[in-house]
Amino acid sequence: MIDVTSGEDCCRPLLALIKGHVVSIQIKAALAVEVLADHNESSQAAFLAQDAVNALIRLLKVQTDSVVISLI
């Protein structure tokens, strides 16, 4: 059973979804990370240990680049 209150057990699966290629799923996974890490130090530590920050920055960069390209 997965303990979703800590975020530790679902850290790897969520990051795998964020690193995937389906934008809608990536965004939903990023939102789940936000909810789990909000005011929860153990979850924050777990996501930091799994390099979640870089995965989220890459997702943001890809989304930002896509928006800029579509505006051109």
N, C-alpha and C. Protein backbone atom coordinates (compact mmCIF):
# COMPACT_ATOMS: atom_id res chain seq x y z
N MET A 1 0.83 -1.18 0.00
CA MET A 1 0.00 0.00 0.00
C MET A 1 0.88 1.25 0.00
N ILE A 2 0.47 2.25 -0.72
CA ILE A 2 1.23 3.50 -0.84
C ILE A 2 0.70 4.51 0.18
N ASP A 3 1.63 5.12 0.92
CA ASP A 3 1.26 6.16 1.88
C ASP A 3 1.35 7.50 1.18
N VAL A 4 0.22 8.02 0.73
CA VAL A 4 0.23 9.28 -0.02
C VAL A 4 0.37 10.49 0.89
N THR A 5 0.24 10.32 2.18
CA THR A 5 0.39 11.47 3.07
C THR A 5 1.84 11.91 3.17
N SER A 6 2.77 11.00 2.99
CA SER A 6 4.18 11.37 3.08
C SER A 6 4.75 11.78 1.73
N GLY A 7 4.23 11.25 0.67
CA GLY A 7 4.76 11.58 -0.65
C GLY A 7 5.98 10.78 -1.01
N GLU A 8 6.57 10.11 -0.03
CA GLU A 8 7.81 9.39 -0.27
C GLU A 8 7.61 8.20 -1.21
N ASP A 9 6.53 7.46 -1.04
CA ASP A 9 6.29 6.28 -1.86
C ASP A 9 5.88 6.63 -3.29
N CYS A 10 5.27 7.78 -3.46
CA CYS A 10 4.80 8.13 -4.81
C CYS A 10 5.75 9.08 -5.53
N CYS A 11 6.88 9.36 -4.94
CA CYS A 11 7.85 10.29 -5.52
C CYS A 11 8.36 9.81 -6.88
N ARG A 12 8.87 8.60 -6.93
CA ARG A 12 9.43 8.08 -8.19
C ARG A 12 8.38 7.96 -9.30
N PRO A 13 7.20 7.38 -9.02
CA PRO A 13 6.20 7.29 -10.09
C PRO A 13 5.76 8.66 -10.62
N LEU A 14 5.60 9.62 -9.73
CA LEU A 14 5.20 10.96 -10.19
C LEU A 14 6.29 11.59 -11.04
N LEU A 15 7.54 11.43 -10.63
CA LEU A 15 8.63 12.00 -11.43
C LEU A 15 8.76 11.30 -12.77
N ALA A 16 8.47 10.01 -12.81
CA ALA A 16 8.48 9.30 -14.09
C ALA A 16 7.40 9.86 -15.02
N LEU A 17 6.24 10.18 -14.46
CA LEU A 17 5.18 10.78 -15.27
C LEU A 17 5.57 12.18 -15.75
N ILE A 18 6.22 12.96 -14.89
CA ILE A 18 6.66 14.30 -15.28
C ILE A 18 7.70 14.22 -16.40
N LYS A 19 8.52 13.20 -16.38
CA LYS A 19 9.55 13.04 -17.40
C LYS A 19 9.02 12.39 -18.67
N GLY A 20 7.76 12.03 -18.69
CA GLY A 20 7.14 11.39 -19.85
C GLY A 20 6.91 12.37 -20.99
N HIS A 21 6.05 11.97 -21.92
CA HIS A 21 5.86 12.77 -23.13
C HIS A 21 4.42 13.21 -23.36
N VAL A 22 3.52 12.91 -22.43
CA VAL A 22 2.12 13.31 -22.57
C VAL A 22 1.90 14.53 -21.68
N VAL A 23 1.73 15.67 -22.31
CA VAL A 23 1.70 16.95 -21.60
C VAL A 23 0.63 16.98 -20.52
N SER A 24 -0.57 16.53 -20.81
CA SER A 24 -1.64 16.59 -19.82
C SER A 24 -1.30 15.76 -18.58
N ILE A 25 -0.66 14.63 -18.77
CA ILE A 25 -0.26 13.79 -17.64
C ILE A 25 0.90 14.43 -16.89
N GLN A 26 1.84 15.03 -17.61
CA GLN A 26 2.96 15.72 -16.96
C GLN A 26 2.45 16.83 -16.04
N ILE A 27 1.49 17.59 -16.51
CA ILE A 27 0.96 18.71 -15.73
C ILE A 27 0.21 18.19 -14.50
N LYS A 28 -0.58 17.14 -14.67
CA LYS A 28 -1.31 16.56 -13.53
C LYS A 28 -0.34 16.01 -12.49
N ALA A 29 0.74 15.39 -12.93
CA ALA A 29 1.74 14.87 -12.01
C ALA A 29 2.44 16.01 -11.27
N ALA A 30 2.73 17.09 -11.98
CA ALA A 30 3.36 18.26 -11.34
C ALA A 30 2.43 18.86 -10.30
N LEU A 31 1.14 18.90 -10.58
CA LEU A 31 0.17 19.40 -9.61
C LEU A 31 0.10 18.49 -8.39
N ALA A 32 0.22 17.19 -8.60
CA ALA A 32 0.22 16.23 -7.49
C ALA A 32 1.46 16.45 -6.61
N VAL A 33 2.60 16.71 -7.23
CA VAL A 33 3.82 17.01 -6.47
C VAL A 33 3.59 18.25 -5.61
N GLU A 34 2.98 19.26 -6.20
CA GLU A 34 2.70 20.49 -5.45
C GLU A 34 1.84 20.20 -4.22
N VAL A 35 0.77 19.45 -4.40
CA VAL A 35 -0.14 19.15 -3.29
C VAL A 35 0.57 18.34 -2.21
N LEU A 36 1.34 17.35 -2.61
CA LEU A 36 2.02 16.50 -1.64
C LEU A 36 3.12 17.24 -0.88
N ALA A 37 3.79 18.16 -1.54
CA ALA A 37 4.93 18.85 -0.92
C ALA A 37 4.52 20.08 -0.12
N ASP A 38 3.31 20.57 -0.34
CA ASP A 38 2.86 21.78 0.33
C ASP A 38 2.78 21.57 1.84
N HIS A 39 3.56 22.32 2.59
CA HIS A 39 3.59 22.27 4.06
C HIS A 39 3.91 20.88 4.59
N ASN A 40 4.72 20.11 3.86
CA ASN A 40 5.05 18.74 4.29
C ASN A 40 6.55 18.54 4.08
N GLU A 41 7.31 18.73 5.14
CA GLU A 41 8.76 18.68 5.04
C GLU A 41 9.30 17.32 4.61
N SER A 42 8.68 16.24 5.05
CA SER A 42 9.18 14.92 4.65
C SER A 42 8.97 14.69 3.15
N SER A 43 7.84 15.15 2.63
CA SER A 43 7.59 15.04 1.19
C SER A 43 8.56 15.91 0.41
N GLN A 44 8.78 17.12 0.90
CA GLN A 44 9.71 18.02 0.22
C GLN A 44 11.10 17.41 0.16
N ALA A 45 11.53 16.81 1.25
CA ALA A 45 12.85 16.18 1.28
C ALA A 45 12.91 15.00 0.32
N ALA A 46 11.84 14.23 0.26
CA ALA A 46 11.80 13.07 -0.65
C ALA A 46 11.88 13.53 -2.10
N PHE A 47 11.12 14.56 -2.46
CA PHE A 47 11.15 15.05 -3.84
C PHE A 47 12.50 15.68 -4.18
N LEU A 48 13.10 16.38 -3.24
CA LEU A 48 14.43 16.95 -3.47
C LEU A 48 15.47 15.85 -3.67
N ALA A 49 15.37 14.79 -2.88
CA ALA A 49 16.32 13.68 -3.00
C ALA A 49 16.21 12.99 -4.35
N GLN A 50 15.04 13.03 -4.96
CA GLN A 50 14.82 12.39 -6.26
C GLN A 50 15.03 13.37 -7.42
N ASP A 51 15.55 14.57 -7.13
CA ASP A 51 15.86 15.57 -8.16
C ASP A 51 14.61 16.09 -8.86
N ALA A 52 13.54 16.27 -8.09
CA ALA A 52 12.27 16.74 -8.65
C ALA A 52 12.38 18.16 -9.20
N VAL A 53 13.22 18.97 -8.58
CA VAL A 53 13.35 20.36 -9.02
C VAL A 53 13.78 20.42 -10.49
N ASN A 54 14.79 19.65 -10.85
CA ASN A 54 15.26 19.67 -12.24
C ASN A 54 14.20 19.14 -13.20
N ALA A 55 13.47 18.11 -12.80
CA ALA A 55 12.40 17.57 -13.66
C ALA A 55 11.31 18.62 -13.88
N LEU A 56 10.96 19.34 -12.83
CA LEU A 56 9.93 20.38 -12.95
C LEU A 56 10.42 21.56 -13.78
N ILE A 57 11.69 21.92 -13.62
CA ILE A 57 12.24 23.02 -14.42
C ILE A 57 12.27 22.63 -15.90
N ARG A 58 12.65 21.40 -16.20
CA ARG A 58 12.64 20.95 -17.60
C ARG A 58 11.23 20.99 -18.18
N LEU A 59 10.25 20.56 -17.40
CA LEU A 59 8.86 20.60 -17.85
C LEU A 59 8.43 22.04 -18.11
N LEU A 60 8.77 22.94 -17.22
CA LEU A 60 8.42 24.34 -17.39
C LEU A 60 9.11 24.92 -18.62
N LYS A 61 10.37 24.57 -18.83
CA LYS A 61 11.10 25.07 -19.99
C LYS A 61 10.48 24.58 -21.29
N VAL A 62 10.14 23.31 -21.34
CA VAL A 62 9.54 22.75 -22.55
C VAL A 62 8.19 23.42 -22.82
N GLN A 63 7.38 23.60 -21.79
CA GLN A 63 6.08 24.24 -21.95
C GLN A 63 6.23 25.69 -22.38
N THR A 64 7.19 26.39 -21.79
CA THR A 64 7.43 27.79 -22.14
C THR A 64 7.91 27.90 -23.58
N ASP A 65 8.82 27.02 -23.99
CA ASP A 65 9.30 27.03 -25.37
C ASP A 65 8.17 26.74 -26.34
N SER A 66 7.27 25.84 -25.98
CA SER A 66 6.13 25.51 -26.84
C SER A 66 5.21 26.70 -27.02
N VAL A 67 4.98 27.44 -25.94
CA VAL A 67 4.11 28.60 -26.01
C VAL A 67 4.76 29.68 -26.87
N VAL A 68 6.04 29.91 -26.70
CA VAL A 68 6.74 30.93 -27.49
C VAL A 68 6.71 30.56 -28.97
N ILE A 69 6.94 29.32 -29.29
CA ILE A 69 6.92 28.88 -30.69
C ILE A 69 5.53 29.06 -31.29
N SER A 70 4.50 28.76 -30.52
CA SER A 70 3.15 28.89 -31.07
C SER A 70 2.75 30.35 -31.25
N LEU A 71 3.39 31.26 -30.50
CA LEU A 71 3.10 32.68 -30.66
C LEU A 71 3.80 33.28 -31.87
N ILE A 72 4.86 32.64 -32.32
CA ILE A 72 5.64 33.19 -33.44
C ILE A 72 4.94 32.98 -34.75
